PDB file of N, CA and C in Angstrom:
ATOM      1  N   GLU A   1     118.995 124.496 103.284  1.00  0.00           N
ATOM      2  CA  GLU A   1     119.306 123.435 104.238  1.00  0.00           C
ATOM      3  C   GLU A   1     118.046 122.641 104.547  1.00  0.00           C
ATOM      4  N   VAL A   2     118.129 121.331 104.412  1.00  0.00           N
ATOM      5  CA  VAL A   2     116.991 120.472 104.712  1.00  0.00           C
ATOM      6  C   VAL A   2     116.837 120.328 106.222  1.00  0.00           C
ATOM      7  N   GLN A   3     115.605 120.503 106.678  1.00  0.00           N
ATOM      8  CA  GLN A   3     115.321 120.316 108.100  1.00  0.00           C
ATOM      9  C   GLN A   3     114.037 119.528 108.263  1.00  0.00           C
ATOM     10  N   LEU A   4     114.056 118.618 109.197  1.00  0.00           N
ATOM     11  CA  LEU A   4     112.874 117.871 109.603  1.00  0.00           C
ATOM     12  C   LEU A   4     112.768 118.011 111.114  1.00  0.00           C
ATOM     13  N   VAL A   5     111.654 118.541 111.572  1.00  0.00           N
ATOM     14  CA  VAL A   5     111.487 118.782 113.001  1.00  0.00           C
ATOM     15  C   VAL A   5     110.237 118.080 113.481  1.00  0.00           C
ATOM     16  N   GLU A   6     110.447 117.085 114.337  1.00  0.00           N
ATOM     17  CA  GLU A   6     109.322 116.331 114.882  1.00  0.00           C
ATOM     18  C   GLU A   6     108.789 116.975 116.150  1.00  0.00           C
ATOM     19  N   SER A   7     107.513 116.763 116.394  1.00  0.00           N
ATOM     20  CA  SER A   7     106.891 117.209 117.636  1.00  0.00           C
ATOM     21  C   SER A   7     105.682 116.342 117.915  1.00  0.00           C
ATOM     22  N   GLY A   8     105.155 116.459 119.123  1.00  0.00           N
ATOM     23  CA  GLY A   8     103.918 115.760 119.454  1.00  0.00           C
ATOM     24  C   GLY A   8     104.079 114.523 120.311  1.00  0.00           C
ATOM     25  N   GLY A   9     105.321 114.150 120.605  1.00  0.00           N
ATOM     26  CA  GLY A   9     105.519 112.988 121.460  1.00  0.00           C
ATOM     27  C   GLY A   9     105.079 113.273 122.887  1.00  0.00           C
ATOM     28  N   GLY A  10     105.052 112.225 123.677  1.00  0.00           N
ATOM     29  CA  GLY A  10     104.665 112.400 125.069  1.00  0.00           C
ATOM     30  C   GLY A  10     104.392 111.063 125.724  1.00  0.00           C
ATOM     31  N   SER A  11     103.780 111.125 126.894  1.00  0.00           N
ATOM     32  CA  SER A  11     103.455 109.928 127.660  1.00  0.00           C
ATOM     33  C   SER A  11     101.951 109.753 127.730  1.00  0.00           C
ATOM     34  N   VAL A  12     101.491 108.566 127.401  1.00  0.00           N
ATOM     35  CA  VAL A  12     100.061 108.277 127.449  1.00  0.00           C
ATOM     36  C   VAL A  12      99.864 106.884 128.023  1.00  0.00           C
ATOM     37  N   GLN A  13      98.651 106.621 128.433  1.00  0.00           N
ATOM     38  CA  GLN A  13      98.308 105.280 128.879  1.00  0.00           C
ATOM     39  C   GLN A  13      97.884 104.430 127.696  1.00  0.00           C
ATOM     40  N   ALA A  14      97.985 103.142 127.864  1.00  0.00           N
ATOM     41  CA  ALA A  14      97.573 102.211 126.820  1.00  0.00           C
ATOM     42  C   ALA A  14      96.135 102.499 126.396  1.00  0.00           C
ATOM     43  N   GLY A  15      95.933 102.466 125.085  1.00  0.00           N
ATOM     44  CA  GLY A  15      94.627 102.789 124.532  1.00  0.00           C
ATOM     45  C   GLY A  15      94.477 104.246 124.143  1.00  0.00           C
ATOM     46  N   GLY A  16      95.419 105.062 124.549  1.00  0.00           N
ATOM     47  CA  GLY A  16      95.356 106.482 124.252  1.00  0.00           C
ATOM     48  C   GLY A  16      95.833 106.809 122.851  1.00  0.00           C
ATOM     49  N   SER A  17      95.870 108.106 122.564  1.00  0.00           N
ATOM     50  CA  SER A  17      96.235 108.576 121.228  1.00  0.00           C
ATOM     51  C   SER A  17      97.253 109.708 121.314  1.00  0.00           C
ATOM     52  N   LEU A  18      98.040 109.807 120.274  1.00  0.00           N
ATOM     53  CA  LEU A  18      98.953 110.932 120.091  1.00  0.00           C
ATOM     54  C   LEU A  18      99.011 111.246 118.604  1.00  0.00           C
ATOM     55  N   ARG A  19      99.297 112.492 118.277  1.00  0.00           N
ATOM     56  CA  ARG A  19      99.537 112.856 116.885  1.00  0.00           C
ATOM     57  C   ARG A  19     100.919 113.480 116.776  1.00  0.00           C
ATOM     58  N   LEU A  20     101.776 112.824 116.047  1.00  0.00           N
ATOM     59  CA  LEU A  20     103.109 113.340 115.784  1.00  0.00           C
ATOM     60  C   LEU A  20     103.085 114.220 114.539  1.00  0.00           C
ATOM     61  N   SER A  21     103.912 115.245 114.555  1.00  0.00           N
ATOM     62  CA  SER A  21     104.056 116.133 113.401  1.00  0.00           C
ATOM     63  C   SER A  21     105.509 116.175 112.977  1.00  0.00           C
ATOM     64  N   CYS A  22     105.718 116.332 111.697  1.00  0.00           N
ATOM     65  CA  CYS A  22     107.061 116.505 111.158  1.00  0.00           C
ATOM     66  C   CYS A  22     107.024 117.686 110.206  1.00  0.00           C
ATOM     67  N   ALA A  23     107.606 118.781 110.623  1.00  0.00           N
ATOM     68  CA  ALA A  23     107.657 119.985 109.804  1.00  0.00           C
ATOM     69  C   ALA A  23     108.904 119.953 108.944  1.00  0.00           C
ATOM     70  N   ALA A  24     108.720 120.027 107.637  1.00  0.00           N
ATOM     71  CA  ALA A  24     109.823 119.901 106.691  1.00  0.00           C
ATOM     72  C   ALA A  24     110.138 121.242 106.042  1.00  0.00           C
ATOM     73  N   SER A  25     111.399 121.463 105.753  1.00  0.00           N
ATOM     74  CA  SER A  25     111.818 122.662 105.038  1.00  0.00           C
ATOM     75  C   SER A  25     113.101 122.368 104.279  1.00  0.00           C
ATOM     76  N   GLY A  26     113.346 123.189 103.254  1.00  0.00           N
ATOM     77  CA  GLY A  26     114.588 123.067 102.503  1.00  0.00           C
ATOM     78  C   GLY A  26     114.530 122.167 101.295  1.00  0.00           C
ATOM     79  N   PHE A  27     113.338 121.657 100.984  1.00  0.00           N
ATOM     80  CA  PHE A  27     113.200 120.849  99.774  1.00  0.00           C
ATOM     81  C   PHE A  27     111.762 120.939  99.287  1.00  0.00           C
ATOM     82  N   SER A  28     111.558 120.474  98.055  1.00  0.00           N
ATOM     83  CA  SER A  28     110.228 120.530  97.458  1.00  0.00           C
ATOM     84  C   SER A  28     109.369 119.403  98.020  1.00  0.00           C
ATOM     85  N   PHE A  29     108.524 119.756  98.946  1.00  0.00           N
ATOM     86  CA  PHE A  29     107.783 118.782  99.738  1.00  0.00           C
ATOM     87  C   PHE A  29     107.035 117.772  98.883  1.00  0.00           C
ATOM     88  N   ASP A  30     106.368 118.232  97.850  1.00  0.00           N
ATOM     89  CA  ASP A  30     105.525 117.352  97.040  1.00  0.00           C
ATOM     90  C   ASP A  30     106.329 116.342  96.219  1.00  0.00           C
ATOM     91  N   ASP A  31     107.627 116.515  96.140  1.00  0.00           N
ATOM     92  CA  ASP A  31     108.474 115.611  95.367  1.00  0.00           C
ATOM     93  C   ASP A  31     109.187 114.582  96.238  1.00  0.00           C
ATOM     94  N   TYR A  32     108.751 114.496  97.482  1.00  0.00           N
ATOM     95  CA  TYR A  32     109.466 113.637  98.420  1.00  0.00           C
ATOM     96  C   TYR A  32     108.558 112.584  99.046  1.00  0.00           C
ATOM     97  N   ILE A  33     109.197 111.545  99.514  1.00  0.00           N
ATOM     98  CA  ILE A  33     108.577 110.509 100.332  1.00  0.00           C
ATOM     99  C   ILE A  33     108.989 110.769 101.767  1.00  0.00           C
ATOM    100  N   LEU A  34     108.010 110.880 102.623  1.00  0.00           N
ATOM    101  CA  LEU A  34     108.270 111.098 104.036  1.00  0.00           C
ATOM    102  C   LEU A  34     107.904 109.841 104.815  1.00  0.00           C
ATOM    103  N   GLY A  35     108.766 109.450 105.704  1.00  0.00           N
ATOM    104  CA  GLY A  35     108.527 108.241 106.480  1.00  0.00           C
ATOM    105  C   GLY A  35     108.654 108.482 107.970  1.00  0.00           C
ATOM    106  N   TRP A  36     107.997 107.633 108.721  1.00  0.00           N
ATOM    107  CA  TRP A  36     108.143 107.603 110.177  1.00  0.00           C
ATOM    108  C   TRP A  36     108.806 106.279 110.561  1.00  0.00           C
ATOM    109  N   PHE A  37     109.835 106.382 111.370  1.00  0.00           N
ATOM    110  CA  PHE A  37     110.530 105.225 111.909  1.00  0.00           C
ATOM    111  C   PHE A  37     110.504 105.325 113.422  1.00  0.00           C
ATOM    112  N   ARG A  38     110.743 104.221 114.084  1.00  0.00           N
ATOM    113  CA  ARG A  38     110.832 104.245 115.537  1.00  0.00           C
ATOM    114  C   ARG A  38     111.943 103.317 116.003  1.00  0.00           C
ATOM    115  N   GLN A  39     112.471 103.672 117.170  1.00  0.00           N
ATOM    116  CA  GLN A  39     113.535 102.866 117.750  1.00  0.00           C
ATOM    117  C   GLN A  39     113.308 102.757 119.246  1.00  0.00           C
ATOM    118  N   ALA A  40     113.070 101.539 119.686  1.00  0.00           N
ATOM    119  CA  ALA A  40     112.898 101.273 121.105  1.00  0.00           C
ATOM    120  C   ALA A  40     114.262 100.965 121.707  1.00  0.00           C
ATOM    121  N   PRO A  41     114.410 101.153 123.008  1.00  0.00           N
ATOM    122  CA  PRO A  41     115.695 100.880 123.656  1.00  0.00           C
ATOM    123  C   PRO A  41     116.174  99.456 123.381  1.00  0.00           C
ATOM    124  N   GLY A  42     117.397  99.343 122.908  1.00  0.00           N
ATOM    125  CA  GLY A  42     117.985  98.033 122.654  1.00  0.00           C
ATOM    126  C   GLY A  42     117.530  97.366 121.387  1.00  0.00           C
ATOM    127  N   LYS A  43     116.735  98.065 120.597  1.00  0.00           N
ATOM    128  CA  LYS A  43     116.228  97.474 119.357  1.00  0.00           C
ATOM    129  C   LYS A  43     116.658  98.292 118.150  1.00  0.00           C
ATOM    130  N   GLU A  44     116.559  97.676 116.988  1.00  0.00           N
ATOM    131  CA  GLU A  44     116.909  98.373 115.756  1.00  0.00           C
ATOM    132  C   GLU A  44     115.791  99.333 115.359  1.00  0.00           C
ATOM    133  N   ARG A  45     116.168 100.346 114.610  1.00  0.00           N
ATOM    134  CA  ARG A  45     115.184 101.282 114.089  1.00  0.00           C
ATOM    135  C   ARG A  45     114.330 100.570 113.041  1.00  0.00           C
ATOM    136  N   GLU A  46     113.021 100.761 113.130  1.00  0.00           N
ATOM    137  CA  GLU A  46     112.115 100.071 112.212  1.00  0.00           C
ATOM    138  C   GLU A  46     111.149 101.049 111.567  1.00  0.00           C
ATOM    139  N   GLY A  47     110.753 100.725 110.362  1.00  0.00           N
ATOM    140  CA  GLY A  47     109.803 101.568 109.654  1.00  0.00           C
ATOM    141  C   GLY A  47     108.400 101.393 110.188  1.00  0.00           C
ATOM    142  N   VAL A  48     107.708 102.492 110.352  1.00  0.00           N
ATOM    143  CA  VAL A  48     106.335 102.485 110.857  1.00  0.00           C
ATOM    144  C   VAL A  48     105.351 102.784 109.732  1.00  0.00           C
ATOM    145  N   SER A  49     105.651 103.825 108.966  1.00  0.00           N
ATOM    146  CA  SER A  49     104.745 104.230 107.902  1.00  0.00           C
ATOM    147  C   SER A  49     105.472 105.196 106.982  1.00  0.00           C
ATOM    148  N   CYS A  50     104.970 105.330 105.759  1.00  0.00           N
ATOM    149  CA  CYS A  50     105.512 106.355 104.880  1.00  0.00           C
ATOM    150  C   CYS A  50     104.422 106.824 103.926  1.00  0.00           C
ATOM    151  N   ILE A  51     104.647 107.992 103.354  1.00  0.00           N
ATOM    152  CA  ILE A  51     103.695 108.572 102.421  1.00  0.00           C
ATOM    153  C   ILE A  51     104.449 109.238 101.284  1.00  0.00           C
ATOM    154  N   ASN A  52     103.943 109.039 100.080  1.00  0.00           N
ATOM    155  CA  ASN A  52     104.449 109.759  98.925  1.00  0.00           C
ATOM    156  C   ASN A  52     103.669 111.065  98.869  1.00  0.00           C
ATOM    157  N   CYS A  53     104.332 112.170  99.111  1.00  0.00           N
ATOM    158  CA  CYS A  53     103.632 113.443  99.232  1.00  0.00           C
ATOM    159  C   CYS A  53     103.075 113.935  97.909  1.00  0.00           C
ATOM    160  N   ASN A  54     103.458 113.288  96.820  1.00  0.00           N
ATOM    161  CA  ASN A  54     102.933 113.664  95.500  1.00  0.00           C
ATOM    162  C   ASN A  54     101.572 113.050  95.254  1.00  0.00           C
ATOM    163  N   ASP A  55     101.468 111.745  95.481  1.00  0.00           N
ATOM    164  CA  ASP A  55     100.195 111.079  95.177  1.00  0.00           C
ATOM    165  C   ASP A  55      99.501 110.525  96.413  1.00  0.00           C
ATOM    166  N   HIS A  56     100.110 110.754  97.574  1.00  0.00           N
ATOM    167  CA  HIS A  56      99.536 110.371  98.864  1.00  0.00           C
ATOM    168  C   HIS A  56      99.402 108.867  99.048  1.00  0.00           C
ATOM    169  N   THR A  57     100.175 108.102  98.285  1.00  0.00           N
ATOM    170  CA  THR A  57     100.243 106.667  98.536  1.00  0.00           C
ATOM    171  C   THR A  57     100.857 106.433  99.908  1.00  0.00           C
ATOM    172  N   THR A  58     100.259 105.516 100.654  1.00  0.00           N
ATOM    173  CA  THR A  58     100.745 105.271 102.006  1.00  0.00           C
ATOM    174  C   THR A  58     101.072 103.800 102.225  1.00  0.00           C
ATOM    175  N   PHE A  59     101.961 103.562 103.165  1.00  0.00           N
ATOM    176  CA  PHE A  59     102.329 102.209 103.552  1.00  0.00           C
ATOM    177  C   PHE A  59     102.451 102.165 105.069  1.00  0.00           C
ATOM    178  N   TYR A  60     102.142 100.999 105.619  1.00  0.00           N
ATOM    179  CA  TYR A  60     102.200 100.829 107.065  1.00  0.00           C
ATOM    180  C   TYR A  60     102.852  99.506 107.426  1.00  0.00           C
ATOM    181  N   ALA A  61     103.532  99.506 108.550  1.00  0.00           N
ATOM    182  CA  ALA A  61     104.009  98.254 109.114  1.00  0.00           C
ATOM    183  C   ALA A  61     102.802  97.468 109.626  1.00  0.00           C
ATOM    184  N   ASP A  62     102.893  96.153 109.568  1.00  0.00           N
ATOM    185  CA  ASP A  62     101.778  95.316 110.012  1.00  0.00           C
ATOM    186  C   ASP A  62     101.416  95.594 111.463  1.00  0.00           C
ATOM    187  N   SER A  63     102.405  95.934 112.261  1.00  0.00           N
ATOM    188  CA  SER A  63     102.183  96.125 113.690  1.00  0.00           C
ATOM    189  C   SER A  63     101.331  97.352 114.005  1.00  0.00           C
ATOM    190  N   VAL A  64     101.184  98.261 113.037  1.00  0.00           N
ATOM    191  CA  VAL A  64     100.429  99.482 113.313  1.00  0.00           C
ATOM    192  C   VAL A  64      99.214  99.655 112.401  1.00  0.00           C
ATOM    193  N   LYS A  65      99.037  98.759 111.456  1.00  0.00           N
ATOM    194  CA  LYS A  65      97.898  98.868 110.536  1.00  0.00           C
ATOM    195  C   LYS A  65      96.584  98.879 111.304  1.00  0.00           C
ATOM    196  N   GLY A  66      95.723  99.802 110.912  1.00  0.00           N
ATOM    197  CA  GLY A  66      94.433  99.917 111.579  1.00  0.00           C
ATOM    198  C   GLY A  66      94.464 100.784 112.814  1.00  0.00           C
ATOM    199  N   ARG A  67      95.650 101.139 113.300  1.00  0.00           N
ATOM    200  CA  ARG A  67      95.776 101.985 114.492  1.00  0.00           C
ATOM    201  C   ARG A  67      96.409 103.333 114.175  1.00  0.00           C
ATOM    202  N   PHE A  68      97.369 103.339 113.264  1.00  0.00           N
ATOM    203  CA  PHE A  68      98.092 104.558 112.914  1.00  0.00           C
ATOM    204  C   PHE A  68      97.647 105.044 111.541  1.00  0.00           C
ATOM    205  N   THR A  69      97.636 106.349 111.367  1.00  0.00           N
ATOM    206  CA  THR A  69      97.302 106.958 110.083  1.00  0.00           C
ATOM    207  C   THR A  69      98.311 108.044 109.766  1.00  0.00           C
ATOM    208  N   ILE A  70      98.926 107.940 108.594  1.00  0.00           N
ATOM    209  CA  ILE A  70      99.872 108.961 108.138  1.00  0.00           C
ATOM    210  C   ILE A  70      99.151 109.866 107.147  1.00  0.00           C
ATOM    211  N   SER A  71      99.482 111.150 107.200  1.00  0.00           N
ATOM    212  CA  SER A  71      98.891 112.099 106.272  1.00  0.00           C
ATOM    213  C   SER A  71      99.874 113.243 106.053  1.00  0.00           C
ATOM    214  N   SER A  72      99.630 114.001 105.001  1.00  0.00           N
ATOM    215  CA  SER A  72     100.517 115.125 104.713  1.00  0.00           C
ATOM    216  C   SER A  72      99.703 116.358 104.357  1.00  0.00           C
ATOM    217  N   ASP A  73     100.251 117.502 104.660  1.00  0.00           N
ATOM    218  CA  ASP A  73      99.640 118.789 104.338  1.00  0.00           C
ATOM    219  C   ASP A  73     100.661 119.593 103.559  1.00  0.00           C
ATOM    220  N   GLY A  74     100.475 119.664 102.242  1.00  0.00           N
ATOM    221  CA  GLY A  74     101.429 120.359 101.387  1.00  0.00           C
ATOM    222  C   GLY A  74     101.497 121.847 101.659  1.00  0.00           C
ATOM    223  N   ALA A  75     100.397 122.419 102.093  1.00  0.00           N
ATOM    224  CA  ALA A  75     100.377 123.858 102.379  1.00  0.00           C
ATOM    225  C   ALA A  75     101.246 124.186 103.589  1.00  0.00           C
ATOM    226  N   LYS A  76     101.376 123.224 104.488  1.00  0.00           N
ATOM    227  CA  LYS A  76     102.170 123.439 105.699  1.00  0.00           C
ATOM    228  C   LYS A  76     103.494 122.679 105.666  1.00  0.00           C
ATOM    229  N   ASN A  77     103.752 121.949 104.576  1.00  0.00           N
ATOM    230  CA  ASN A  77     104.971 121.132 104.487  1.00  0.00           C
ATOM    231  C   ASN A  77     105.148 120.273 105.740  1.00  0.00           C
ATOM    232  N   THR A  78     104.070 119.634 106.117  1.00  0.00           N
ATOM    233  CA  THR A  78     104.066 118.864 107.360  1.00  0.00           C
ATOM    234  C   THR A  78     103.447 117.493 107.128  1.00  0.00           C
ATOM    235  N   VAL A  79     104.060 116.504 107.730  1.00  0.00           N
ATOM    236  CA  VAL A  79     103.528 115.145 107.729  1.00  0.00           C
ATOM    237  C   VAL A  79     103.114 114.794 109.154  1.00  0.00           C
ATOM    238  N   TYR A  80     101.996 114.109 109.258  1.00  0.00           N
ATOM    239  CA  TYR A  80     101.461 113.752 110.562  1.00  0.00           C
ATOM    240  C   TYR A  80     101.395 112.240 110.708  1.00  0.00           C
ATOM    241  N   LEU A  81     101.481 111.788 111.928  1.00  0.00           N
ATOM    242  CA  LEU A  81     101.237 110.390 112.239  1.00  0.00           C
ATOM    243  C   LEU A  81     100.263 110.356 113.415  1.00  0.00           C
ATOM    244  N   LEU A  82      99.020 110.018 113.106  1.00  0.00           N
ATOM    245  CA  LEU A  82      98.008 109.889 114.145  1.00  0.00           C
ATOM    246  C   LEU A  82      98.061 108.467 114.683  1.00  0.00           C
ATOM    247  N   MET A  83      98.290 108.363 115.972  1.00  0.00           N
ATOM    248  CA  MET A  83      98.456 107.052 116.594  1.00  0.00           C
ATOM    249  C   MET A  83      97.320 106.834 117.585  1.00  0.00           C
ATOM    250  N   ASN A  84      96.447 105.903 117.242  1.00  0.00           N
ATOM    251  CA  ASN A  84      95.345 105.533 118.121  1.00  0.00           C
ATOM    252  C   ASN A  84      95.582 104.140 118.704  1.00  0.00           C
ATOM    253  N   GLY A  85      94.875 103.834 119.762  1.00  0.00           N
ATOM    254  CA  GLY A  85      94.997 102.506 120.352  1.00  0.00           C
ATOM    255  C   GLY A  85      96.417 102.154 120.726  1.00  0.00           C
ATOM    256  N   LEU A  86      97.115 103.102 121.318  1.00  0.00           N
ATOM    257  CA  LEU A  86      98.531 102.885 121.615  1.00  0.00           C
ATOM    258  C   LEU A  86      98.731 101.761 122.614  1.00  0.00           C
ATOM    259  N   LYS A  87      99.811 101.023 122.399  1.00  0.00           N
ATOM    260  CA  LYS A  87     100.167  99.880 123.236  1.00  0.00           C
ATOM    261  C   LYS A  87     101.541 100.134 123.855  1.00  0.00           C
ATOM    262  N   PRO A  88     101.839  99.490 124.964  1.00  0.00           N
ATOM    263  CA  PRO A  88     103.170  99.665 125.563  1.00  0.00           C
ATOM    264  C   PRO A  88     104.301  99.352 124.584  1.00  0.00           C
ATOM    265  N   GLU A  89     104.068  98.416 123.680  1.00  0.00           N
ATOM    266  CA  GLU A  89     105.113  98.073 122.708  1.00  0.00           C
ATOM    267  C   GLU A  89     105.326  99.152 121.652  1.00  0.00           C
ATOM    268  N   ASP A  90     104.489 100.172 121.639  1.00  0.00           N
ATOM    269  CA  ASP A  90     104.713 101.314 120.746  1.00  0.00           C
ATOM    270  C   ASP A  90     105.706 102.309 121.347  1.00  0.00           C
ATOM    271  N   THR A  91     106.099 102.087 122.582  1.00  0.00           N
ATOM    272  CA  THR A  91     107.060 102.980 123.231  1.00  0.00           C
ATOM    273  C   THR A  91     108.380 102.982 122.473  1.00  0.00           C
ATOM    274  N   ALA A  92     108.821 104.168 122.075  1.00  0.00           N
ATOM    275  CA  ALA A  92     110.042 104.298 121.284  1.00  0.00           C
ATOM    276  C   ALA A  92     110.307 105.769 121.016  1.00  0.00           C
ATOM    277  N   ASP A  93     111.480 106.036 120.475  1.00  0.00           N
ATOM    278  CA  ASP A  93     111.743 107.338 119.875  1.00  0.00           C
ATOM    279  C   ASP A  93     111.287 107.264 118.428  1.00  0.00           C
ATOM    280  N   TYR A  94     110.514 108.246 118.008  1.00  0.00           N
ATOM    281  CA  TYR A  94     109.970 108.263 116.661  1.00  0.00           C
ATOM    282  C   TYR A  94     110.695 109.312 115.829  1.00  0.00           C
ATOM    283  N   TYR A  95     111.095 108.898 114.638  1.00  0.00           N
ATOM    284  CA  TYR A  95     111.881 109.755 113.751  1.00  0.00           C
ATOM    285  C   TYR A  95     111.168 109.953 112.417  1.00  0.00           C
ATOM    286  N   CYS A  96     111.268 111.149 111.904  1.00  0.00           N
ATOM    287  CA  CYS A  96     110.783 111.477 110.578  1.00  0.00           C
ATOM    288  C   CYS A  96     111.971 111.425 109.614  1.00  0.00           C
ATOM    289  N   ALA A  97     111.731 110.950 108.404  1.00  0.00           N
ATOM    290  CA  ALA A  97     112.799 110.843 107.415  1.00  0.00           C
ATOM    291  C   ALA A  97     112.263 111.192 106.036  1.00  0.00           C
ATOM    292  N   ALA A  98     113.152 111.631 105.150  1.00  0.00           N
ATOM    293  CA  ALA A  98     112.730 112.046 103.819  1.00  0.00           C
ATOM    294  C   ALA A  98     113.696 111.555 102.748  1.00  0.00           C
ATOM    295  N   VAL A  99     113.128 111.245 101.594  1.00  0.00           N
ATOM    296  CA  VAL A  99     113.928 110.880 100.431  1.00  0.00           C
ATOM    297  C   VAL A  99     113.164 111.321  99.192  1.00  0.00           C
ATOM    298  N   SER A 100     113.905 111.715  98.170  1.00  0.00           N
ATOM    299  CA  SER A 100     113.269 112.171  96.939  1.00  0.00           C
ATOM    300  C   SER A 100     112.505 111.033  96.273  1.00  0.00           C
ATOM    301  N   ALA A 101     111.315 111.343  95.780  1.00  0.00           N
ATOM    302  CA  ALA A 101     110.522 110.360  95.051  1.00  0.00           C
ATOM    303  C   ALA A 101     111.129 110.047  93.687  1.00  0.00           C
ATOM    304  N   LEU A 102     112.121 110.843  93.271  1.00  0.00           N
ATOM    305  CA  LEU A 102     112.838 110.543  92.029  1.00  0.00           C
ATOM    306  C   LEU A 102     113.870 109.442  92.243  1.00  0.00           C
ATOM    307  N   LYS A 103     114.186 109.212  93.506  1.00  0.00           N
ATOM    308  CA  LYS A 103     115.232 108.254  93.840  1.00  0.00           C
ATOM    309  C   LYS A 103     114.673 106.847  94.010  1.00  0.00           C
ATOM    310  N   ILE A 104     113.509 106.751  94.626  1.00  0.00           N
ATOM    311  CA  ILE A 104     112.899 105.444  94.850  1.00  0.00           C
ATOM    312  C   ILE A 104     111.406 105.523  94.583  1.00  0.00           C
ATOM    313  N   VAL A 105     110.848 104.393  94.183  1.00  0.00           N
ATOM    314  CA  VAL A 105     109.401 104.278  94.004  1.00  0.00           C
ATOM    315  C   VAL A 105     108.960 103.147  94.910  1.00  0.00           C
ATOM    316  N   PRO A 106     108.503 103.497  96.111  1.00  0.00           N
ATOM    317  CA  PRO A 106     108.243 102.427  97.079  1.00  0.00           C
ATOM    318  C   PRO A 106     107.007 101.593  96.765  1.00  0.00           C
ATOM    319  N   THR A 107     107.123 100.315  97.053  1.00  0.00           N
ATOM    320  CA  THR A 107     105.968  99.417  97.034  1.00  0.00           C
ATOM    321  C   THR A 107     105.698  98.911  98.447  1.00  0.00           C
ATOM    322  N   MET A 108     106.525  99.368  99.352  1.00  0.00           N
ATOM    323  CA  MET A 108     106.394  99.077 100.770  1.00  0.00           C
ATOM    324  C   MET A 108     107.222 100.158 101.486  1.00  0.00           C
ATOM    325  N   ILE A 109     107.269 100.130 102.794  1.00  0.00           N
ATOM    326  CA  ILE A 109     108.084 101.106 103.511  1.00  0.00           C
ATOM    327  C   ILE A 109     109.541 100.863 103.131  1.00  0.00           C
ATOM    328  N   PRO A 110     110.211 101.877 102.591  1.00  0.00           N
ATOM    329  CA  PRO A 110     111.615 101.689 102.210  1.00  0.00           C
ATOM    330  C   PRO A 110     112.499 101.434 103.420  1.00  0.00           C
ATOM    331  N   SER A 111     113.633 100.851 103.158  1.00  0.00           N
ATOM    332  CA  SER A 111     114.630 100.661 104.206  1.00  0.00           C
ATOM    333  C   SER A 111     115.079 102.006 104.745  1.00  0.00           C
ATOM    334  N   LEU A 112     115.424 102.042 106.020  1.00  0.00           N
ATOM    335  CA  LEU A 112     115.911 103.292 106.592  1.00  0.00           C
ATOM    336  C   LEU A 112     117.155 103.773 105.856  1.00  0.00           C
ATOM    337  N   HIS A 113     117.883 102.874 105.235  1.00  0.00           N
ATOM    338  CA  HIS A 113     119.106 103.248 104.525  1.00  0.00           C
ATOM    339  C   HIS A 113     118.806 104.000 103.221  1.00  0.00           C
ATOM    340  N   ASP A 114     117.562 103.942 102.788  1.00  0.00           N
ATOM    341  CA  ASP A 114     117.174 104.638 101.563  1.00  0.00           C
ATOM    342  C   ASP A 114     116.888 106.120 101.809  1.00  0.00           C
ATOM    343  N   PHE A 115     116.697 106.501 103.064  1.00  0.00           N
ATOM    344  CA  PHE A 115     116.323 107.874 103.372  1.00  0.00           C
ATOM    345  C   PHE A 115     117.557 108.737 103.550  1.00  0.00           C
ATOM    346  N   ASP A 116     117.480 109.952 103.012  1.00  0.00           N
ATOM    347  CA  ASP A 116     118.634 110.850 103.014  1.00  0.00           C
ATOM    348  C   ASP A 116     118.631 111.846 104.168  1.00  0.00           C
ATOM    349  N   TYR A 117     117.445 112.150 104.665  1.00  0.00           N
ATOM    350  CA  TYR A 117     117.356 113.193 105.681  1.00  0.00           C
ATOM    351  C   TYR A 117     116.562 112.672 106.875  1.00  0.00           C
ATOM    352  N   TRP A 118     116.980 113.093 108.060  1.00  0.00           N
ATOM    353  CA  TRP A 118     116.367 112.620 109.306  1.00  0.00           C
ATOM    354  C   TRP A 118     116.161 113.769 110.282  1.00  0.00           C
ATOM    355  N   GLY A 119     115.082 113.650 111.042  1.00  0.00           N
ATOM    356  CA  GLY A 119     114.866 114.573 112.140  1.00  0.00           C
ATOM    357  C   GLY A 119     115.555 114.057 113.395  1.00  0.00           C
ATOM    358  N   GLN A 120     115.405 114.815 114.473  1.00  0.00           N
ATOM    359  CA  GLN A 120     116.076 114.483 115.728  1.00  0.00           C
ATOM    360  C   GLN A 120     115.284 113.504 116.572  1.00  0.00           C
ATOM    361  N   GLY A 121     114.016 113.341 116.271  1.00  0.00           N
ATOM    362  CA  GLY A 121     113.215 112.371 116.994  1.00  0.00           C
ATOM    363  C   GLY A 121     112.348 112.986 118.076  1.00  0.00           C
ATOM    364  N   THR A 122     111.291 112.268 118.404  1.00  0.00           N
ATOM    365  CA  THR A 122     110.418 112.659 119.504  1.00  0.00           C
ATOM    366  C   THR A 122     110.036 111.384 120.258  1.00  0.00           C
ATOM    367  N   GLN A 123     110.011 111.491 121.570  1.00  0.00           N
ATOM    368  CA  GLN A 123     109.829 110.301 122.391  1.00  0.00           C
ATOM    369  C   GLN A 123     108.349 110.024 122.660  1.00  0.00           C
ATOM    370  N   VAL A 124     107.987 108.759 122.538  1.00  0.00           N
ATOM    371  CA  VAL A 124     106.624 108.311 122.845  1.00  0.00           C
ATOM    372  C   VAL A 124     106.720 107.210 123.902  1.00  0.00           C
ATOM    373  N   THR A 125     106.017 107.411 124.993  1.00  0.00           N
ATOM    374  CA  THR A 125     105.991 106.421 126.066  1.00  0.00           C
ATOM    375  C   THR A 125     104.551 106.031 126.343  1.00  0.00           C
ATOM    376  N   VAL A 126     104.283 104.726 126.285  1.00  0.00           N
ATOM    377  CA  VAL A 126     102.938 104.217 126.530  1.00  0.00           C
ATOM    378  C   VAL A 126     102.992 103.308 127.753  1.00  0.00           C
ATOM    379  N   SER A 127     102.240 103.671 128.762  1.00  0.00           N
ATOM    380  CA  SER A 127     102.238 102.892 129.995  1.00  0.00           C
ATOM    381  C   SER A 127     101.007 101.976 130.044  1.00  0.00           C
ATOM    382  N   SER A 128     101.187 100.859 130.695  1.00  0.00           N
ATOM    383  CA  SER A 128     100.078  99.884 130.780  1.00  0.00           C
ATOM    384  C   SER A 128      99.182 100.165 131.975  1.00  0.00           C
TER     385      SER A 128
END
């Protein structure tokens, strides 16, 4: 059974940092693309970043470039999203998602519709 479990969300002030984790199980981690998406109240879910766990190619949304860093640890089957310089507009529920690298070869963050597996989400609140 595929499972994605996010953790690390919380409340911080603007300018602060958080590190989200996504623990994956039930599939061959190195053969998958793991992505982070977020959804703010009343808004559509949007892609934040993704990583190809095989070759560690990464992609970022323009809104987070230079502030967020995605990384993966194959030994722990975990993907991280380090978020620095947080802004109030980063407030959202953050979701981890996975899709086989045999299915798509991303040149940018894939559409959320391309991902087959999703975690339950973790909430991030940034106050001004």
